[in-house]
């Protein structure tokens, strides 16, 4: 027998190369899948945070438009600062005026509502606090700016009698240092019950 005849089959080197190529391809595919899940998760979280903030700001703007004197006789606006706003409105449509407080606490935009109670009526107690929006990245940028009847911007804390329009500005980003860029949400509210130009 002649041992030098061409033998059919796969050599060990070919098997090792095939396994190596398979492993590399597996790593590339799994890295792509993992990255795809991360992007999808980030997109869903960012979208959810933006929707949550948008709904909260829409509600706040509606409440601001209907700001009224408190049941205690307090002026419709109690505090007008760059990161905090306190006003009175019929928050839950029960014909009683509630004290409504919005403020930025770190990256959480919060709301607190206090019902007037007692005799004589007073706005006391802790009230109900909810987080309107997480992931707010305003840092030192004002959440609230105020304008007078001539639409001139007011310094904060604003003179309560001069405030006729409130501008709200929120920057939303689930991960502060990660793309895509911040989503900026802005809205204005004219305080209808404080208008001077009827």
N, C-alpha and C. Protein backbone atom coordinates (compact mmCIF):
# COMPACT_ATOMS: atom_id res chain seq x y z
N UNK A 1 0.80 -1.17 0.00
CA UNK A 1 0.00 0.00 0.00
C UNK A 1 0.85 1.25 0.00
N UNK A 2 0.32 2.22 -0.70
CA UNK A 2 1.02 3.49 -0.82
C UNK A 2 0.41 4.49 0.16
N UNK A 3 1.20 4.88 1.11
CA UNK A 3 0.70 5.80 2.14
C UNK A 3 0.70 7.25 1.67
N UNK A 4 1.30 7.58 0.62
CA UNK A 4 1.39 8.96 0.15
C UNK A 4 0.20 9.36 -0.71
N UNK A 5 -0.76 8.51 -0.87
CA UNK A 5 -1.94 8.87 -1.64
C UNK A 5 -2.65 10.02 -0.93
N UNK A 6 -3.33 10.85 -1.70
CA UNK A 6 -4.09 11.96 -1.12
C UNK A 6 -5.18 11.40 -0.21
N UNK A 7 -5.15 11.86 1.00
CA UNK A 7 -6.16 11.41 1.94
C UNK A 7 -7.21 12.51 2.09
N UNK A 8 -8.42 12.06 2.12
CA UNK A 8 -9.51 13.01 2.29
C UNK A 8 -9.80 13.17 3.78
N UNK A 9 -10.15 14.45 4.19
CA UNK A 9 -10.48 14.72 5.58
C UNK A 9 -10.04 16.12 5.98
N UNK A 10 -10.22 16.43 7.23
CA UNK A 10 -9.91 17.76 7.74
C UNK A 10 -8.74 17.63 8.70
N UNK A 11 -7.82 18.54 8.57
CA UNK A 11 -6.67 18.50 9.46
C UNK A 11 -7.00 19.20 10.78
N UNK A 12 -6.18 18.96 11.75
CA UNK A 12 -6.38 19.59 13.06
C UNK A 12 -6.27 21.10 12.95
N UNK A 13 -5.38 21.60 12.13
CA UNK A 13 -5.22 23.04 11.94
C UNK A 13 -6.50 23.66 11.37
N UNK A 14 -7.14 23.00 10.44
CA UNK A 14 -8.39 23.49 9.86
C UNK A 14 -9.50 23.51 10.91
N UNK A 15 -9.54 22.50 11.75
CA UNK A 15 -10.55 22.45 12.82
C UNK A 15 -10.33 23.61 13.81
N UNK A 16 -9.07 23.83 14.19
CA UNK A 16 -8.76 24.92 15.12
C UNK A 16 -9.14 26.27 14.51
N UNK A 17 -8.84 26.48 13.24
CA UNK A 17 -9.19 27.73 12.56
C UNK A 17 -10.71 27.92 12.50
N UNK A 18 -11.44 26.86 12.21
CA UNK A 18 -12.90 26.94 12.14
C UNK A 18 -13.49 27.30 13.51
N UNK A 19 -12.96 26.67 14.57
CA UNK A 19 -13.43 26.98 15.93
C UNK A 19 -13.11 28.44 16.27
N UNK A 20 -11.91 28.90 15.93
CA UNK A 20 -11.50 30.28 16.19
C UNK A 20 -12.43 31.27 15.48
N UNK A 21 -12.72 31.04 14.21
CA UNK A 21 -13.62 31.91 13.45
C UNK A 21 -15.02 31.88 14.06
N UNK A 22 -15.49 30.71 14.48
CA UNK A 22 -16.82 30.58 15.09
C UNK A 22 -16.88 31.38 16.40
N UNK A 23 -15.83 31.28 17.22
CA UNK A 23 -15.80 32.00 18.50
C UNK A 23 -15.81 33.51 18.26
N UNK A 24 -14.99 33.99 17.33
CA UNK A 24 -14.95 35.42 17.01
C UNK A 24 -16.32 35.89 16.53
N UNK A 25 -16.93 35.14 15.63
CA UNK A 25 -18.26 35.50 15.11
C UNK A 25 -19.29 35.52 16.24
N UNK A 26 -19.20 34.56 17.17
CA UNK A 26 -20.14 34.51 18.30
C UNK A 26 -19.99 35.74 19.18
N UNK A 27 -18.74 36.15 19.46
CA UNK A 27 -18.51 37.35 20.26
C UNK A 27 -19.05 38.59 19.58
N UNK A 28 -18.83 38.72 18.29
CA UNK A 28 -19.32 39.88 17.55
C UNK A 28 -20.84 39.94 17.58
N UNK A 29 -21.49 38.82 17.33
CA UNK A 29 -22.96 38.78 17.32
C UNK A 29 -23.51 39.07 18.72
N UNK A 30 -22.92 38.45 19.76
CA UNK A 30 -23.43 38.69 21.12
C UNK A 30 -23.19 40.14 21.55
N UNK A 31 -22.04 40.72 21.18
CA UNK A 31 -21.79 42.13 21.51
C UNK A 31 -22.80 43.04 20.82
N UNK A 32 -23.13 42.73 19.59
CA UNK A 32 -24.13 43.50 18.85
C UNK A 32 -25.50 43.40 19.52
N UNK A 33 -25.88 42.20 19.93
CA UNK A 33 -27.18 41.99 20.58
C UNK A 33 -27.22 42.73 21.92
N UNK A 34 -26.15 42.63 22.71
CA UNK A 34 -26.11 43.31 24.01
C UNK A 34 -26.20 44.83 23.82
N UNK A 35 -25.44 45.35 22.87
CA UNK A 35 -25.48 46.80 22.61
C UNK A 35 -26.87 47.24 22.15
N UNK A 36 -27.50 46.42 21.33
CA UNK A 36 -28.84 46.72 20.85
C UNK A 36 -29.83 46.79 22.00
N UNK A 37 -29.73 45.85 22.96
CA UNK A 37 -30.61 45.87 24.13
C UNK A 37 -30.36 47.11 24.99
N UNK A 38 -29.09 47.51 25.14
CA UNK A 38 -28.78 48.71 25.92
C UNK A 38 -29.39 49.95 25.28
N UNK A 39 -29.24 50.07 23.97
CA UNK A 39 -29.80 51.23 23.26
C UNK A 39 -31.32 51.24 23.37
N UNK A 40 -31.93 50.08 23.21
CA UNK A 40 -33.39 49.99 23.29
C UNK A 40 -33.87 50.34 24.69
N UNK A 41 -33.18 49.85 25.72
CA UNK A 41 -33.55 50.14 27.10
C UNK A 41 -33.42 51.64 27.38
N UNK A 42 -32.31 52.24 26.95
CA UNK A 42 -32.12 53.67 27.15
C UNK A 42 -33.20 54.48 26.45
N UNK A 43 -33.52 54.10 25.21
CA UNK A 43 -34.54 54.81 24.45
C UNK A 43 -35.90 54.74 25.15
N UNK A 44 -36.25 53.56 25.65
CA UNK A 44 -37.53 53.41 26.36
C UNK A 44 -37.55 54.23 27.65
N UNK A 45 -36.45 54.20 28.41
CA UNK A 45 -36.39 54.98 29.65
C UNK A 45 -36.47 56.47 29.37
N UNK A 46 -35.72 56.93 28.36
CA UNK A 46 -35.73 58.35 28.01
C UNK A 46 -37.12 58.79 27.56
N UNK A 47 -37.74 57.98 26.73
CA UNK A 47 -39.09 58.29 26.23
C UNK A 47 -40.09 58.34 27.39
N UNK A 48 -39.99 57.39 28.29
CA UNK A 48 -40.88 57.37 29.45
C UNK A 48 -40.67 58.60 30.34
N UNK A 49 -39.41 58.97 30.57
CA UNK A 49 -39.11 60.14 31.39
C UNK A 49 -39.65 61.42 30.75
N UNK A 50 -39.52 61.52 29.44
CA UNK A 50 -40.01 62.71 28.73
C UNK A 50 -41.53 62.78 28.79
N UNK A 51 -42.20 61.66 28.56
CA UNK A 51 -43.67 61.64 28.63
C UNK A 51 -44.16 62.01 30.02
N UNK A 52 -43.50 61.47 31.03
CA UNK A 52 -43.87 61.76 32.42
C UNK A 52 -43.72 63.25 32.71
N UNK A 53 -42.60 63.83 32.29
CA UNK A 53 -42.36 65.26 32.50
C UNK A 53 -43.37 66.10 31.73
N UNK A 54 -43.65 65.72 30.51
CA UNK A 54 -44.59 66.48 29.68
C UNK A 54 -45.98 66.50 30.32
N UNK A 55 -46.45 65.35 30.79
CA UNK A 55 -47.77 65.30 31.45
C UNK A 55 -47.78 66.16 32.71
N UNK A 56 -46.70 66.08 33.49
CA UNK A 56 -46.62 66.88 34.72
C UNK A 56 -46.63 68.37 34.45
N UNK A 57 -45.88 68.80 33.44
CA UNK A 57 -45.84 70.23 33.10
C UNK A 57 -47.18 70.69 32.55
N UNK A 58 -47.82 69.87 31.73
CA UNK A 58 -49.15 70.24 31.21
C UNK A 58 -50.14 70.45 32.35
N UNK A 59 -50.12 69.56 33.34
CA UNK A 59 -51.01 69.69 34.49
C UNK A 59 -50.68 70.96 35.28
N UNK A 60 -49.39 71.21 35.50
CA UNK A 60 -48.98 72.39 36.25
C UNK A 60 -49.42 73.67 35.54
N UNK A 61 -49.27 73.71 34.22
CA UNK A 61 -49.65 74.90 33.45
C UNK A 61 -51.15 75.15 33.58
N UNK A 62 -51.96 74.10 33.51
CA UNK A 62 -53.41 74.26 33.68
C UNK A 62 -53.73 74.80 35.07
N UNK A 63 -53.06 74.27 36.09
CA UNK A 63 -53.30 74.74 37.45
C UNK A 63 -52.89 76.20 37.61
N UNK A 64 -51.74 76.56 37.04
CA UNK A 64 -51.26 77.94 37.13
C UNK A 64 -52.22 78.93 36.48
N UNK A 65 -52.77 78.55 35.35
CA UNK A 65 -53.70 79.45 34.65
C UNK A 65 -54.90 79.79 35.53
N UNK A 66 -55.24 78.87 36.41
CA UNK A 66 -56.42 79.06 37.25
C UNK A 66 -56.05 79.41 38.69
N UNK A 67 -54.88 79.97 38.90
CA UNK A 67 -54.46 80.36 40.25
C UNK A 67 -55.48 81.35 40.83
N UNK A 68 -55.83 81.11 42.08
CA UNK A 68 -56.85 81.92 42.78
C UNK A 68 -56.35 82.28 44.17
N UNK A 69 -56.95 83.29 44.80
CA UNK A 69 -56.62 83.54 46.20
C UNK A 69 -56.95 82.30 47.04
N UNK A 70 -56.13 82.03 48.04
CA UNK A 70 -56.36 80.88 48.91
C UNK A 70 -57.63 81.02 49.72
N UNK A 71 -58.11 79.92 50.26
CA UNK A 71 -59.30 79.94 51.12
C UNK A 71 -59.07 80.77 52.38
N UNK A 72 -57.81 81.03 52.70
CA UNK A 72 -57.48 81.86 53.86
C UNK A 72 -57.39 83.33 53.48
N UNK A 73 -57.60 83.64 52.19
CA UNK A 73 -57.49 85.01 51.71
C UNK A 73 -56.09 85.34 51.20
N UNK A 74 -55.20 84.34 51.17
CA UNK A 74 -53.82 84.56 50.72
C UNK A 74 -53.79 84.92 49.24
N UNK A 75 -52.80 85.73 48.85
CA UNK A 75 -52.60 86.10 47.45
C UNK A 75 -52.38 84.83 46.62
N UNK A 76 -52.81 84.80 45.35
CA UNK A 76 -52.71 83.58 44.53
C UNK A 76 -51.31 82.97 44.44
N UNK A 77 -50.26 83.80 44.53
CA UNK A 77 -48.90 83.27 44.49
C UNK A 77 -48.25 83.55 45.84
N UNK A 78 -47.67 82.50 46.42
CA UNK A 78 -47.01 82.67 47.72
C UNK A 78 -45.50 82.81 47.57
N UNK A 79 -44.91 82.08 46.62
CA UNK A 79 -43.47 82.13 46.40
C UNK A 79 -43.18 81.96 44.92
N UNK A 80 -42.33 82.82 44.37
CA UNK A 80 -41.95 82.74 42.96
C UNK A 80 -40.43 82.81 42.87
N UNK A 81 -39.78 81.66 43.00
CA UNK A 81 -38.32 81.58 42.96
C UNK A 81 -37.88 80.81 41.71
N UNK A 82 -36.58 80.76 41.46
CA UNK A 82 -36.11 80.12 40.22
C UNK A 82 -36.21 78.60 40.23
N UNK A 83 -36.19 77.96 41.40
CA UNK A 83 -36.30 76.51 41.48
C UNK A 83 -37.56 76.07 42.24
N UNK A 84 -38.41 77.02 42.59
CA UNK A 84 -39.55 76.70 43.45
C UNK A 84 -40.70 77.67 43.18
N UNK A 85 -41.92 77.13 43.21
CA UNK A 85 -43.12 77.94 42.99
C UNK A 85 -44.23 77.43 43.89
N UNK A 86 -44.85 78.35 44.62
CA UNK A 86 -46.00 78.01 45.48
C UNK A 86 -47.14 78.93 45.09
N UNK A 87 -48.30 78.33 44.83
CA UNK A 87 -49.48 79.11 44.46
C UNK A 87 -50.73 78.39 44.96
N UNK A 88 -51.87 79.03 44.77
CA UNK A 88 -53.15 78.46 45.21
C UNK A 88 -54.03 78.22 44.00
N UNK A 89 -54.69 77.06 43.98
CA UNK A 89 -55.58 76.71 42.87
C UNK A 89 -56.53 75.61 43.32
N UNK A 90 -57.62 75.47 42.59
CA UNK A 90 -58.55 74.37 42.85
C UNK A 90 -58.02 73.14 42.12
N UNK A 91 -57.05 72.52 42.72
CA UNK A 91 -56.29 71.40 42.15
C UNK A 91 -57.17 70.21 41.75
N UNK A 92 -58.13 69.88 42.60
CA UNK A 92 -58.93 68.67 42.37
C UNK A 92 -60.39 68.96 42.04
N UNK A 93 -60.71 70.20 41.69
CA UNK A 93 -62.06 70.59 41.25
C UNK A 93 -63.14 70.27 42.30
N UNK A 94 -62.81 70.51 43.57
CA UNK A 94 -63.78 70.24 44.64
C UNK A 94 -64.34 71.52 45.25
N UNK A 95 -64.14 72.66 44.59
CA UNK A 95 -64.60 73.97 45.03
C UNK A 95 -63.84 74.47 46.26
N UNK A 96 -62.78 73.78 46.66
CA UNK A 96 -61.91 74.25 47.74
C UNK A 96 -60.54 74.53 47.12
N UNK A 97 -59.93 75.61 47.57
CA UNK A 97 -58.64 76.02 47.01
C UNK A 97 -57.51 75.35 47.80
N UNK A 98 -56.60 74.71 47.07
CA UNK A 98 -55.47 74.03 47.69
C UNK A 98 -54.19 74.85 47.48
N UNK A 99 -53.24 74.63 48.39
CA UNK A 99 -51.91 75.22 48.25
C UNK A 99 -51.07 74.23 47.45
N UNK A 100 -50.56 74.68 46.29
CA UNK A 100 -49.81 73.80 45.39
C UNK A 100 -48.36 74.27 45.35
N UNK A 101 -47.46 73.34 45.56
CA UNK A 101 -46.03 73.65 45.67
C UNK A 101 -45.26 72.78 44.67
N UNK A 102 -44.53 73.41 43.75
CA UNK A 102 -43.65 72.70 42.81
C UNK A 102 -42.21 73.12 43.10
N UNK A 103 -41.29 72.15 43.07
CA UNK A 103 -39.89 72.49 43.29
C UNK A 103 -38.98 71.40 42.73
N UNK A 104 -37.73 71.80 42.48
CA UNK A 104 -36.72 70.87 42.00
C UNK A 104 -35.87 70.46 43.19
N UNK A 105 -35.78 69.14 43.42
CA UNK A 105 -34.99 68.59 44.51
C UNK A 105 -33.98 67.63 43.90
N UNK A 106 -32.75 68.10 43.69
CA UNK A 106 -31.75 67.28 43.00
C UNK A 106 -32.16 67.11 41.55
N UNK A 107 -32.43 65.87 41.15
CA UNK A 107 -32.89 65.62 39.78
C UNK A 107 -34.38 65.28 39.74
N UNK A 108 -35.07 65.43 40.88
CA UNK A 108 -36.50 65.14 40.95
C UNK A 108 -37.31 66.44 40.99
N UNK A 109 -38.27 66.54 40.09
CA UNK A 109 -39.20 67.67 40.08
C UNK A 109 -40.43 67.22 40.85
N UNK A 110 -40.72 67.89 41.97
CA UNK A 110 -41.75 67.41 42.89
C UNK A 110 -42.93 68.37 43.00
N UNK A 111 -44.03 67.80 43.48
CA UNK A 111 -45.25 68.57 43.70
C UNK A 111 -45.83 68.18 45.05
N UNK A 112 -46.29 69.18 45.80
CA UNK A 112 -46.95 68.94 47.07
C UNK A 112 -48.25 69.72 47.09
N UNK A 113 -49.31 69.09 47.58
CA UNK A 113 -50.62 69.73 47.66
C UNK A 113 -51.11 69.67 49.10
N UNK A 114 -51.53 70.83 49.61
CA UNK A 114 -52.06 70.90 50.98
C UNK A 114 -53.47 71.48 50.93
N UNK A 115 -54.41 70.78 51.55
CA UNK A 115 -55.80 71.24 51.67
C UNK A 115 -55.90 72.16 52.88
N UNK A 116 -56.71 73.19 52.78
CA UNK A 116 -56.98 74.06 53.93
C UNK A 116 -57.87 73.30 54.91
N UNK A 117 -57.57 73.44 56.19
CA UNK A 117 -58.39 72.76 57.20
C UNK A 117 -58.39 73.59 58.48
N UNK A 118 -59.26 73.20 59.39
CA UNK A 118 -59.35 73.86 60.68
C UNK A 118 -60.31 75.03 60.69
N UNK A 119 -60.44 75.64 61.88
CA UNK A 119 -61.30 76.79 62.04
C UNK A 119 -60.56 77.78 62.93
N UNK A 120 -60.05 78.85 62.43
CA UNK A 120 -60.12 79.34 61.06
C UNK A 120 -59.27 78.46 60.13
N UNK A 121 -59.60 78.55 58.83
CA UNK A 121 -58.89 77.75 57.84
C UNK A 121 -57.41 78.10 57.82
N UNK A 122 -56.58 77.06 57.66
CA UNK A 122 -55.13 77.24 57.55
C UNK A 122 -54.57 76.14 56.66
N UNK A 123 -53.50 76.45 55.96
CA UNK A 123 -52.81 75.46 55.14
C UNK A 123 -51.65 74.91 55.97
N UNK A 124 -51.93 73.88 56.74
CA UNK A 124 -50.89 73.29 57.59
C UNK A 124 -50.85 71.79 57.34
N UNK A 125 -49.82 71.19 57.83
CA UNK A 125 -49.65 69.75 57.61
C UNK A 125 -48.71 69.50 56.44
N UNK A 126 -48.38 68.24 56.28
CA UNK A 126 -47.39 67.85 55.26
C UNK A 126 -47.98 67.79 53.86
N UNK A 127 -49.25 67.49 53.75
CA UNK A 127 -49.85 67.36 52.42
C UNK A 127 -49.37 66.11 51.71
N UNK A 128 -49.69 66.03 50.45
CA UNK A 128 -49.33 64.87 49.63
C UNK A 128 -48.23 65.28 48.65
N UNK A 129 -47.09 64.60 48.70
CA UNK A 129 -45.97 64.90 47.80
C UNK A 129 -45.81 63.79 46.78
N UNK A 130 -45.67 64.19 45.52
CA UNK A 130 -45.43 63.23 44.43
C UNK A 130 -44.27 63.74 43.58
N UNK A 131 -43.58 62.79 42.95
CA UNK A 131 -42.52 63.15 42.01
C UNK A 131 -43.15 63.28 40.64
N UNK A 132 -43.09 64.48 40.08
CA UNK A 132 -43.65 64.75 38.75
C UNK A 132 -42.73 64.20 37.68
N UNK A 133 -41.43 64.40 37.86
CA UNK A 133 -40.46 63.95 36.86
C UNK A 133 -39.13 63.65 37.51
N UNK A 134 -38.56 62.52 37.13
CA UNK A 134 -37.19 62.18 37.54
C UNK A 134 -36.27 62.57 36.39
N UNK A 135 -35.00 62.53 36.64
CA UNK A 135 -33.98 62.76 35.60
C UNK A 135 -33.98 64.19 35.07
N UNK A 136 -34.35 65.16 35.90
CA UNK A 136 -34.28 66.56 35.49
C UNK A 136 -32.84 67.03 35.69
N UNK A 137 -32.25 67.58 34.64
CA UNK A 137 -30.83 67.95 34.67
C UNK A 137 -30.64 69.46 34.53
N UNK A 138 -31.47 70.24 35.19
CA UNK A 138 -31.36 71.70 35.10
C UNK A 138 -30.11 72.22 35.81
N UNK A 139 -29.65 71.51 36.83
CA UNK A 139 -28.53 71.96 37.65
C UNK A 139 -28.80 73.37 38.15
N UNK A 140 -28.03 74.36 37.71
CA UNK A 140 -28.22 75.74 38.17
C UNK A 140 -29.16 76.54 37.28
N UNK A 141 -29.60 75.96 36.16
CA UNK A 141 -30.51 76.66 35.26
C UNK A 141 -31.88 76.75 35.91
N UNK A 142 -32.50 77.91 35.83
CA UNK A 142 -33.79 78.14 36.47
C UNK A 142 -34.88 77.25 35.87
N UNK A 143 -35.67 76.66 36.74
CA UNK A 143 -36.86 75.91 36.31
C UNK A 143 -37.96 76.91 35.98
N UNK A 144 -38.09 77.94 36.82
CA UNK A 144 -39.14 78.94 36.66
C UNK A 144 -38.52 80.31 36.40
N UNK A 145 -39.06 81.00 35.41
CA UNK A 145 -38.77 82.42 35.22
C UNK A 145 -40.11 83.14 35.15
N UNK A 146 -40.10 84.39 35.52
CA UNK A 146 -41.35 85.13 35.68
C UNK A 146 -41.30 86.42 34.87
N UNK A 147 -42.47 86.82 34.38
CA UNK A 147 -42.57 88.06 33.60
C UNK A 147 -43.73 88.89 34.14
N UNK A 148 -43.59 90.20 33.96
CA UNK A 148 -44.64 91.11 34.41
C UNK A 148 -45.63 91.36 33.27
N UNK A 149 -46.53 92.32 33.45
CA UNK A 149 -47.57 92.59 32.45
C UNK A 149 -46.99 93.14 31.15
N UNK A 150 -45.75 93.66 31.18
CA UNK A 150 -45.08 94.14 29.96
C UNK A 150 -44.17 93.06 29.37
N UNK A 151 -44.23 91.86 29.91
CA UNK A 151 -43.42 90.71 29.50
C UNK A 151 -41.93 90.92 29.75
N UNK A 152 -41.61 91.76 30.71
CA UNK A 152 -40.22 91.94 31.13
C UNK A 152 -39.91 90.89 32.18
N UNK A 153 -38.73 90.29 32.07
CA UNK A 153 -38.36 89.24 33.02
C UNK A 153 -38.11 89.84 34.39
N UNK A 154 -38.57 89.14 35.42
CA UNK A 154 -38.41 89.59 36.80
C UNK A 154 -37.27 88.84 37.47
N UNK A 155 -36.54 89.53 38.35
CA UNK A 155 -35.49 88.88 39.13
C UNK A 155 -36.15 87.99 40.17
N UNK A 156 -35.47 86.91 40.55
CA UNK A 156 -36.01 86.00 41.56
C UNK A 156 -35.32 86.22 42.89
N UNK A 157 -36.01 86.03 43.99
CA UNK A 157 -37.45 85.75 44.06
C UNK A 157 -38.25 86.94 43.55
N UNK A 158 -39.22 86.64 42.72
CA UNK A 158 -39.99 87.68 42.03
C UNK A 158 -40.97 88.37 42.96
N UNK A 159 -41.22 89.65 42.66
CA UNK A 159 -42.26 90.41 43.36
C UNK A 159 -43.59 89.77 42.99
N UNK A 160 -44.29 89.23 43.97
CA UNK A 160 -45.51 88.46 43.71
C UNK A 160 -46.58 89.26 43.00
N UNK A 161 -46.70 90.54 43.31
CA UNK A 161 -47.72 91.37 42.67
C UNK A 161 -47.42 91.66 41.21
N UNK A 162 -46.16 91.48 40.81
CA UNK A 162 -45.77 91.77 39.42
C UNK A 162 -45.87 90.56 38.50
N UNK A 163 -45.92 89.37 39.06
CA UNK A 163 -45.92 88.15 38.24
C UNK A 163 -47.24 88.01 37.49
N UNK A 164 -47.14 87.94 36.16
CA UNK A 164 -48.33 87.74 35.32
C UNK A 164 -48.17 86.54 34.40
N UNK A 165 -46.91 86.11 34.19
CA UNK A 165 -46.64 84.97 33.33
C UNK A 165 -45.52 84.15 33.96
N UNK A 166 -45.67 82.83 33.93
CA UNK A 166 -44.66 81.92 34.46
C UNK A 166 -44.14 81.06 33.31
N UNK A 167 -42.82 81.02 33.16
CA UNK A 167 -42.17 80.19 32.15
C UNK A 167 -41.53 79.01 32.87
N UNK A 168 -41.80 77.80 32.39
CA UNK A 168 -41.25 76.58 32.99
C UNK A 168 -40.26 75.97 32.00
N UNK A 169 -39.09 75.56 32.50
CA UNK A 169 -38.05 74.98 31.65
C UNK A 169 -37.43 73.78 32.37
N UNK A 170 -37.53 72.60 31.74
CA UNK A 170 -36.92 71.39 32.28
C UNK A 170 -36.03 70.74 31.23
N UNK A 171 -34.85 70.28 31.65
CA UNK A 171 -33.98 69.47 30.80
C UNK A 171 -34.06 68.05 31.32
N UNK A 172 -34.45 67.12 30.46
CA UNK A 172 -34.63 65.72 30.85
C UNK A 172 -33.58 64.86 30.16
N UNK A 173 -32.90 64.01 30.94
CA UNK A 173 -31.98 63.01 30.39
C UNK A 173 -31.81 61.92 31.43
N UNK A 174 -32.11 60.68 31.05
CA UNK A 174 -32.03 59.56 31.98
C UNK A 174 -30.60 59.41 32.50
N UNK A 175 -29.63 59.46 31.61
CA UNK A 175 -28.22 59.38 32.00
C UNK A 175 -27.56 60.71 31.67
N UNK A 176 -27.14 61.41 32.69
CA UNK A 176 -26.67 62.79 32.54
C UNK A 176 -25.54 62.94 31.52
N UNK A 177 -24.61 62.01 31.50
CA UNK A 177 -23.43 62.15 30.63
C UNK A 177 -23.46 61.22 29.44
N UNK A 178 -24.64 60.84 28.98
CA UNK A 178 -24.74 59.89 27.88
C UNK A 178 -25.63 60.46 26.79
N UNK A 179 -25.21 60.25 25.56
CA UNK A 179 -26.01 60.68 24.41
C UNK A 179 -27.29 59.86 24.38
N UNK A 180 -28.37 60.30 23.82
CA UNK A 180 -28.54 61.54 23.08
C UNK A 180 -28.60 62.74 24.02
N UNK A 181 -28.58 63.88 23.42
CA UNK A 181 -28.55 65.12 24.19
C UNK A 181 -29.81 65.26 25.05
N UNK A 182 -29.75 66.24 25.96
CA UNK A 182 -30.89 66.51 26.84
C UNK A 182 -32.12 66.89 26.02
N UNK A 183 -33.28 66.45 26.51
CA UNK A 183 -34.55 66.87 25.92
C UNK A 183 -35.01 68.09 26.71
N UNK A 184 -35.26 69.18 26.04
CA UNK A 184 -35.67 70.42 26.70
C UNK A 184 -37.17 70.61 26.56
N UNK A 185 -37.81 70.79 27.70
CA UNK A 185 -39.26 70.95 27.76
C UNK A 185 -39.55 72.34 28.32
N UNK A 186 -40.28 73.14 27.54
CA UNK A 186 -40.60 74.51 27.96
C UNK A 186 -42.08 74.79 27.77
N UNK A 187 -42.62 75.62 28.65
CA UNK A 187 -44.01 76.03 28.51
C UNK A 187 -44.23 77.33 29.28
N UNK A 188 -45.23 78.07 28.87
CA UNK A 188 -45.59 79.33 29.53
C UNK A 188 -47.03 79.26 30.02
N UNK A 189 -47.28 79.97 31.08
CA UNK A 189 -48.64 80.07 31.59
C UNK A 189 -48.93 81.50 32.02
N UNK A 190 -49.96 82.07 31.43
CA UNK A 190 -50.44 83.37 31.86
C UNK A 190 -51.42 83.14 32.99
N UNK A 191 -51.26 83.87 34.06
CA UNK A 191 -52.15 83.72 35.21
C UNK A 191 -53.43 84.50 34.92
N UNK A 192 -54.44 83.80 34.46
CA UNK A 192 -55.68 84.43 33.97
C UNK A 192 -56.34 85.33 35.00
N UNK A 193 -56.35 84.91 36.23
CA UNK A 193 -57.03 85.68 37.26
C UNK A 193 -56.22 86.87 37.76
N UNK A 194 -55.01 87.05 37.22
CA UNK A 194 -54.18 88.19 37.60
C UNK A 194 -53.92 89.13 36.43
N UNK A 195 -54.59 88.88 35.31
CA UNK A 195 -54.39 89.72 34.13
C UNK A 195 -54.89 91.14 34.39
N UNK A 196 -54.19 92.10 33.80
CA UNK A 196 -54.58 93.50 33.94
C UNK A 196 -55.22 94.05 32.68
N UNK A 197 -55.13 93.34 31.57
CA UNK A 197 -55.62 93.84 30.28
C UNK A 197 -56.87 93.06 29.85
N UNK A 198 -57.97 93.32 30.49
CA UNK A 198 -59.20 92.57 30.19
C UNK A 198 -59.82 93.07 28.94
